[in-house]
Protein backbone atom coordinates (compact mmCIF):
# COMPACT_ATOMS: atom_id res chain seq x y z
CA MET A 1 -18.91 2.19 2.19
CA TYR A 2 -15.81 3.87 3.73
CA PHE A 3 -13.02 2.35 1.91
CA VAL A 4 -10.84 2.81 -1.21
CA GLN A 5 -9.46 0.10 -3.43
CA HIS A 6 -7.65 -0.21 -6.73
CA ARG A 7 -7.04 -3.34 -8.64
CA GLU A 8 -4.73 -3.81 -11.59
CA ARG A 9 -3.52 -6.43 -13.88
CA PHE A 10 0.32 -7.04 -13.99
CA GLU A 11 2.16 -9.05 -16.87
CA VAL A 12 4.00 -11.28 -14.58
CA SER A 13 3.15 -14.47 -12.61
CA GLN A 14 1.64 -14.63 -9.27
CA ALA A 15 4.91 -15.87 -7.91
CA THR A 16 6.78 -12.91 -9.31
CA LEU A 17 4.29 -10.46 -8.00
CA TRP A 18 4.06 -12.17 -4.56
CA ALA A 19 8.02 -11.91 -4.32
CA ALA A 20 7.88 -8.19 -5.02
CA ILE A 21 5.11 -7.45 -2.44
CA SER A 22 6.36 -9.87 0.17
CA GLU A 23 10.06 -8.95 0.23
CA GLU A 24 11.54 -7.59 3.40
CA GLY A 25 11.93 -4.02 2.90
CA GLY A 26 10.49 -4.23 -0.40
CA LEU A 27 8.44 -0.95 -0.42
CA GLU A 28 11.80 0.73 -1.01
CA ASN A 29 11.67 -0.76 -4.63
CA TYR A 30 8.52 0.56 -5.77
CA HIS A 31 6.81 2.80 -3.42
CA PRO A 32 7.33 6.42 -4.81
CA PHE A 33 6.59 8.01 -1.52
CA CYS A 34 8.81 5.76 0.74
CA ARG A 35 11.92 7.06 2.26
CA SER A 36 12.68 3.84 4.06
CA ASN A 37 11.12 0.39 5.00
CA ILE A 38 12.67 -1.13 8.10
CA SER A 39 11.55 -4.54 9.17
CA PHE A 40 11.43 -5.44 12.90
CA SER A 41 10.00 -9.02 12.33
CA TRP A 42 9.54 -10.53 8.90
CA PRO A 43 7.88 -12.51 7.14
CA GLY A 44 4.61 -13.99 8.18
CA PRO A 45 1.88 -13.31 10.77
CA GLY A 46 2.91 -11.01 13.34
CA SER A 47 5.30 -9.18 11.03
CA VAL A 48 6.03 -5.58 11.88
CA ASP A 49 7.80 -2.97 9.89
CA GLN A 50 8.15 0.84 9.56
CA LEU A 51 7.33 2.73 6.52
CA THR A 52 8.95 6.28 6.76
CA TYR A 53 7.39 8.46 3.94
CA LEU A 54 9.16 11.23 2.20
CA ASN A 55 7.67 13.87 4.56
CA GLY A 56 9.38 12.13 7.51
CA ARG A 57 6.27 10.45 9.01
CA ALA A 58 6.97 7.11 10.20
CA PHE A 59 4.17 4.65 10.37
CA GLN A 60 4.22 1.35 11.94
CA ARG A 61 2.72 -1.69 9.78
CA ASP A 62 1.34 -4.84 11.77
CA ILE A 63 0.76 -7.71 9.72
CA LYS A 64 -2.48 -9.66 10.99
CA HIS A 65 -3.10 -12.20 8.53
CA TRP A 66 -0.48 -13.59 5.98
CA ARG A 67 -1.43 -15.98 3.11
CA ASP A 68 1.76 -17.27 1.33
CA GLY A 69 1.58 -16.44 -2.29
CA VAL A 70 -1.68 -14.78 -1.94
CA GLY A 71 -1.64 -11.74 0.21
CA TYR A 72 -1.60 -10.17 3.58
CA ASP A 73 -3.81 -7.97 5.90
CA LEU A 74 -2.31 -5.28 8.09
CA VAL A 75 -2.92 -2.31 10.31
CA ILE A 76 -0.84 0.85 9.58
CA ARG A 77 -0.58 3.56 12.34
CA TYR A 78 0.79 6.90 13.02
CA LYS A 79 -0.13 8.55 16.15
CA ASN A 80 -4.02 8.66 16.18
CA LEU A 81 -4.24 7.80 12.47
CA GLU A 82 -5.07 4.03 11.76
CA THR A 83 -5.87 2.28 8.44
CA GLU A 84 -6.62 -1.42 7.70
CA VAL A 85 -4.81 -2.52 4.56
CA SER A 86 -5.52 -5.63 2.39
CA TRP A 87 -3.26 -6.79 -0.29
CA GLU A 88 -4.53 -9.67 -2.53
CA ILE A 89 -3.07 -11.35 -5.62
CA GLU A 90 -5.34 -13.33 -8.05
CA SER A 91 -3.78 -15.53 -10.88
CA SER A 92 -4.87 -14.86 -14.51
CA ASP A 93 -3.87 -16.20 -17.87
CA GLY A 94 -0.38 -15.01 -18.51
CA GLY A 95 -0.32 -12.59 -15.62
CA SER A 96 -1.96 -11.74 -12.27
CA TYR A 97 -4.08 -9.05 -10.61
CA LEU A 98 -3.26 -7.21 -7.48
CA ARG A 99 -5.95 -5.60 -5.31
CA ILE A 100 -5.13 -3.15 -2.45
CA LYS A 101 -7.93 -2.03 -0.29
CA LEU A 102 -7.67 0.74 2.33
CA VAL A 103 -10.24 1.05 5.41
CA PRO A 104 -9.45 4.25 7.20
CA ARG A 105 -10.18 4.25 10.88
CA PHE A 106 -9.72 7.85 11.67
CA LEU A 107 -12.86 9.20 10.22
CA HIS A 108 -15.10 11.70 12.08
CA ARG A 109 -17.84 10.22 14.09
CA ASN A 110 -20.64 12.59 13.00
CA PRO A 111 -22.20 10.67 9.93
CA ILE A 112 -22.84 13.89 7.96
CA ILE A 113 -19.22 15.16 8.31
CA LYS A 114 -17.91 11.74 7.80
CA PHE A 115 -19.74 11.39 4.45
CA PHE A 116 -18.58 14.62 2.99
CA VAL A 117 -15.11 14.59 4.32
CA PHE A 118 -14.48 11.16 3.00
CA SER A 119 -16.30 11.46 -0.35
CA LEU A 120 -14.85 14.99 -1.17
CA TYR A 121 -11.37 14.85 0.38
CA ILE A 122 -10.08 11.39 1.81
CA ARG A 123 -11.14 9.16 -1.05
CA PRO A 124 -9.90 11.17 -3.76
CA GLN A 125 -6.45 11.50 -1.98
CA LEU A 126 -6.39 7.74 -1.22
CA LYS A 127 -7.12 6.78 -4.84
CA ASN A 128 -4.34 9.01 -6.07
CA TYR A 129 -1.94 7.31 -3.55
CA LEU A 130 -2.87 3.81 -4.72
CA ARG A 131 -2.44 4.86 -8.31
CA HIS A 132 1.24 5.98 -7.65
CA ILE A 133 1.97 2.65 -5.79
CA PHE A 134 0.70 0.77 -8.72
CA ALA A 135 2.63 2.85 -11.17
CA GLY A 136 5.66 2.21 -9.04
CA LEU A 137 5.21 -1.56 -8.86
CA ASN A 138 4.60 -1.62 -12.50
CA PHE A 139 7.80 0.37 -13.22
CA PHE A 140 9.80 -1.98 -10.79
CA LEU A 141 8.64 -5.23 -12.33
CA ALA A 142 9.09 -4.02 -15.88
CA ASN A 143 12.59 -2.60 -15.42
CA GLY A 144 13.97 -4.17 -12.36
CA ARG A 145 15.09 -0.58 -11.11
CA LYS A 146 13.86 0.96 -7.98
CA VAL A 147 11.49 4.16 -8.40
CA VAL A 148 12.89 7.38 -7.43
CA PRO A 149 11.08 9.64 -4.88
CA ASN A 150 8.00 11.17 -6.34
CA GLN A 151 8.60 9.46 -9.64
CA PHE A 152 4.85 9.83 -10.63
CA GLY A 153 4.25 13.11 -9.10
CA LYS A 154 3.93 14.38 -5.60
CA HIS A 155 1.18 13.71 -3.02
CA PRO A 156 0.14 16.31 -0.65
CA TRP A 157 0.01 13.65 2.43
CA PHE A 158 3.15 11.78 1.71
CA SER A 159 5.81 13.77 -0.28
């Protein structure tokens, strides 16, 4: 119940989409809130990289499962904030779909507070975040150019 996901169709092959999302340091190409994406170990299971957002916060991404050509699952951490993230590609006639699912692991323990904070604040912020990432990926795939910081608008958590 406490997750956010976005799924969108891209007018590129599964292989092209996979190449974009699995490239070492690739977040710098399409993530509009990414200042840098430094790899410590890449690619495959056990990969580790660091995503530094425009606000200067550096999050570590630890790849838990790697499925060549299909997707990967990771945990992203910053201090006591932790979120499970899943990237998954599906082939489709003349294109492909990408689904990103976020499961925050930093929610309040009280079920009532958890419900209201997640529903009214965290979910809308994460949905907005995912829409920006998908817009950046669409831009990069269509134009072959990197996105610029905050290209599709600012985000209160990451800009």
